[in-house]
Amino acid sequence: MTIITVDELNAYTENYEASDLKTYYIETAQSIIEDYIGYALTADDYTEIIVGKPILLGAMPINSVDSFTIDDEELDSLDYSINRNELIVYDDEVDVALTKTSDIEVTYNAGYSAASSVPSAMKVVALKIASLLLMEEGGNIGVTGVSTPDGLGRTFLNYNNYSKHLKLLKKYRIVRFGTDVQKL
């Protein structure tokens, strides 16, 4: 699943020329976003091994938790809650002590199952990045200005530093510190 379509890119750029490359630009824009936020946007199953707390998972949004164990003790869904990508254990509800050295394993599903559920900010950033990639088509890479024979000119704002656009997605970002995320 890609979070934007060629039709959306066409409408955003007002460039309706047929080009197979537009699909690649969309996929590349999504890949740039996923690299920045630290997880795949498409829903998938994961297993994470975590030592100690806090229990921070490596993907969002969390759709379901299939298995959650602390020191080989299975927790019931009533024993914890989910806040963004963190599992919060109700210590008074469980028989096992959650310590800094507890062995924790979580199997869960996270991500967006449909493009329509992806936050608008992510879609807008994907459109901006894909449109910048599209503008570089035809040898316009690195060109800052072009004068035509009739004296008219155009200025290109092409660059591959997308950080000012990606900053809009800061609240969706996950930074990992020593967790092991595995796709099932």
Protein backbone atom coordinates (compact mmCIF):
# COMPACT_ATOMS: atom_id res chain seq x y z
CA MET A 1 0.00 0.00 0.00
CA THR A 2 1.21 3.48 -0.82
CA ILE A 3 -0.22 6.39 1.14
CA ILE A 4 -0.81 8.57 -1.94
CA THR A 5 -1.86 7.76 -5.49
CA VAL A 6 -0.70 8.93 -8.90
CA ASP A 7 -4.03 10.76 -9.28
CA GLU A 8 -3.39 12.65 -6.03
CA LEU A 9 0.14 13.52 -7.18
CA ASN A 10 -1.24 14.70 -10.53
CA ALA A 11 -3.78 16.95 -8.81
CA TYR A 12 -1.17 18.31 -6.37
CA THR A 13 1.36 19.15 -9.10
CA GLU A 14 -1.17 19.91 -11.85
CA ASN A 15 1.00 17.68 -14.03
CA TYR A 16 -1.25 15.16 -15.75
CA GLU A 17 1.37 13.78 -18.15
CA ALA A 18 1.52 9.99 -18.10
CA SER A 19 4.75 8.75 -16.55
CA ASP A 20 5.58 5.37 -15.06
CA LEU A 21 8.18 7.16 -12.94
CA LYS A 22 5.46 8.82 -10.83
CA THR A 23 4.83 5.49 -9.09
CA TYR A 24 8.54 5.28 -8.22
CA TYR A 25 8.51 8.84 -6.88
CA ILE A 26 5.54 8.01 -4.67
CA GLU A 27 7.22 4.85 -3.35
CA THR A 28 10.47 6.76 -2.77
CA ALA A 29 8.64 9.55 -0.91
CA GLN A 30 6.97 6.98 1.33
CA SER A 31 10.32 5.27 1.95
CA ILE A 32 11.87 8.62 2.95
CA ILE A 33 8.99 9.18 5.41
CA GLU A 34 9.30 5.66 6.85
CA ASP A 35 13.05 6.11 7.33
CA TYR A 36 12.42 9.38 9.16
CA ILE A 37 9.63 8.16 11.46
CA GLY A 38 11.38 4.84 12.11
CA TYR A 39 8.71 2.30 11.10
CA ALA A 40 6.73 1.02 8.13
CA LEU A 41 3.36 2.63 7.49
CA THR A 42 1.68 -0.51 6.14
CA ALA A 43 0.08 -2.73 8.80
CA ASP A 44 2.20 -5.76 9.66
CA ASP A 45 2.88 -8.23 12.47
CA TYR A 46 5.90 -7.77 14.74
CA THR A 47 7.62 -9.52 17.62
CA GLU A 48 9.83 -7.49 19.93
CA ILE A 49 12.15 -8.60 22.68
CA ILE A 50 12.63 -5.86 25.28
CA VAL A 51 14.69 -5.86 28.47
CA GLY A 52 13.28 -3.75 31.30
CA LYS A 53 11.04 -0.76 31.17
CA PRO A 54 9.65 1.41 29.69
CA ILE A 55 7.98 -0.95 27.22
CA LEU A 56 8.23 1.01 23.99
CA LEU A 57 7.26 -0.76 20.78
CA GLY A 58 8.91 -0.01 17.46
CA ALA A 59 5.86 0.69 15.27
CA MET A 60 2.62 2.68 15.39
CA PRO A 61 -0.32 2.82 15.48
CA ILE A 62 -0.77 -0.37 17.48
CA ASN A 63 -3.80 -2.24 16.14
CA SER A 64 -3.66 -5.29 18.39
CA VAL A 65 -1.45 -7.10 20.89
CA ASP A 66 -1.51 -10.84 20.30
CA SER A 67 0.92 -11.88 23.02
CA PHE A 68 2.57 -10.04 25.91
CA THR A 69 4.85 -11.86 28.35
CA ILE A 70 7.05 -10.66 31.19
CA ASP A 71 9.58 -13.23 32.41
CA ASP A 72 7.56 -15.98 30.66
CA GLU A 73 4.33 -14.88 32.43
CA GLU A 74 1.52 -14.18 29.93
CA LEU A 75 -0.40 -10.97 30.63
CA ASP A 76 -4.08 -10.53 30.01
CA SER A 77 -5.26 -7.50 28.00
CA LEU A 78 -6.81 -6.11 31.19
CA ASP A 79 -3.35 -5.97 32.81
CA TYR A 80 -2.02 -3.17 30.58
CA SER A 81 -3.00 -0.26 28.38
CA ILE A 82 -1.58 1.19 25.17
CA ASN A 83 -0.46 4.80 24.87
CA ARG A 84 0.92 5.56 21.36
CA ASN A 85 3.70 2.95 21.19
CA GLU A 86 4.05 2.31 24.93
CA LEU A 87 2.55 -0.57 26.88
CA ILE A 88 1.71 0.52 30.41
CA VAL A 89 1.45 -2.35 32.89
CA TYR A 90 -0.89 -2.07 35.84
CA ASP A 91 1.56 -3.32 38.47
CA ASP A 92 -1.17 -4.03 41.02
CA GLU A 93 -2.95 -6.35 38.53
CA VAL A 94 -0.09 -8.72 37.65
CA ASP A 95 1.69 -11.39 39.63
CA VAL A 96 5.09 -10.76 38.06
CA ALA A 97 7.35 -7.87 39.04
CA LEU A 98 8.33 -5.57 36.19
CA THR A 99 11.96 -4.53 36.75
CA LYS A 100 14.77 -2.98 34.73
CA THR A 101 16.01 -6.49 33.90
CA SER A 102 12.67 -8.17 33.10
CA ASP A 103 12.58 -10.18 29.86
CA ILE A 104 9.63 -8.92 27.85
CA GLU A 105 8.28 -10.30 24.58
CA VAL A 106 5.44 -8.64 22.67
CA THR A 107 3.78 -9.88 19.49
CA TYR A 108 1.55 -7.25 17.94
CA ASN A 109 0.14 -5.73 14.78
CA ALA A 110 0.85 -2.09 13.95
CA GLY A 111 0.51 0.25 11.01
CA TYR A 112 -2.19 1.54 8.71
CA SER A 113 -4.37 -1.01 6.92
CA ALA A 114 -5.70 1.51 4.37
CA ALA A 115 -4.39 4.73 2.86
CA SER A 116 -7.56 6.47 4.03
CA SER A 117 -6.52 5.95 7.68
CA VAL A 118 -3.07 7.55 7.26
CA PRO A 119 -2.85 11.01 8.89
CA SER A 120 -3.25 13.91 6.45
CA ALA A 121 0.12 15.38 7.48
CA MET A 122 1.89 12.24 6.23
CA LYS A 123 0.04 12.40 2.93
CA VAL A 124 0.88 16.08 2.41
CA VAL A 125 4.57 15.45 3.14
CA ALA A 126 4.55 12.50 0.72
CA LEU A 127 2.99 14.75 -1.96
CA LYS A 128 5.62 17.46 -1.36
CA ILE A 129 8.54 15.03 -1.58
CA ALA A 130 7.14 13.16 -4.60
CA SER A 131 6.53 16.48 -6.39
CA LEU A 132 10.13 17.56 -5.75
CA LEU A 133 11.33 14.25 -7.20
CA LEU A 134 9.03 14.77 -10.19
CA MET A 135 10.42 18.27 -10.80
CA GLU A 136 13.92 16.79 -11.15
CA GLU A 137 12.76 14.79 -14.18
CA GLY A 138 14.28 15.71 -17.54
CA GLY A 139 17.69 16.83 -16.33
CA ASN A 140 16.49 19.57 -14.01
CA ILE A 141 18.60 18.18 -11.17
CA GLY A 142 20.68 20.94 -9.64
CA VAL A 143 19.44 23.61 -12.07
CA THR A 144 18.68 26.84 -10.25
CA GLY A 145 17.41 28.86 -13.23
CA VAL A 146 16.73 28.61 -16.95
CA SER A 147 16.29 31.42 -19.49
CA THR A 148 14.30 30.73 -22.62
CA PRO A 149 15.02 32.37 -26.01
CA ASP A 150 12.04 34.69 -25.62
CA GLY A 151 13.57 36.19 -22.46
CA LEU A 152 11.32 34.42 -19.98
CA GLY A 153 12.92 32.48 -17.20
CA ARG A 154 12.11 29.79 -14.71
CA THR A 155 13.66 29.04 -11.37
CA PHE A 156 13.86 25.50 -10.04
CA LEU A 157 13.84 24.87 -6.31
CA ASN A 158 15.04 21.29 -6.56
CA TYR A 159 16.99 19.80 -3.70
CA ASN A 160 17.12 16.51 -1.88
CA ASN A 161 17.13 17.83 1.68
CA TYR A 162 13.58 17.04 2.75
CA SER A 163 14.11 17.84 6.44
CA LYS A 164 11.92 20.96 6.46
CA HIS A 165 9.02 18.86 5.16
CA LEU A 166 9.73 15.91 7.45
CA LYS A 167 9.68 18.15 10.54
CA LEU A 168 5.88 18.15 10.20
CA LEU A 169 5.97 14.45 11.12
CA LYS A 170 8.03 14.81 14.29
CA LYS A 171 5.17 13.68 16.55
CA TYR A 172 4.93 10.36 14.63
CA ARG A 173 8.65 9.61 14.98
CA ILE A 174 10.00 6.71 17.05
CA VAL A 175 13.65 6.70 18.06
CA ARG A 176 14.90 3.28 19.14
CA PHE A 177 17.36 2.60 21.92
CA GLY A 178 18.47 -1.03 21.91
CA THR A 179 15.22 -2.84 21.07
CA ASP A 180 15.11 -5.73 18.65
CA VAL A 181 12.16 -5.45 16.23
CA GLN A 182 11.41 -8.46 14.06
CA LYS A 183 8.71 -8.86 11.44
CA LEU A 184 6.95 -12.18 11.73
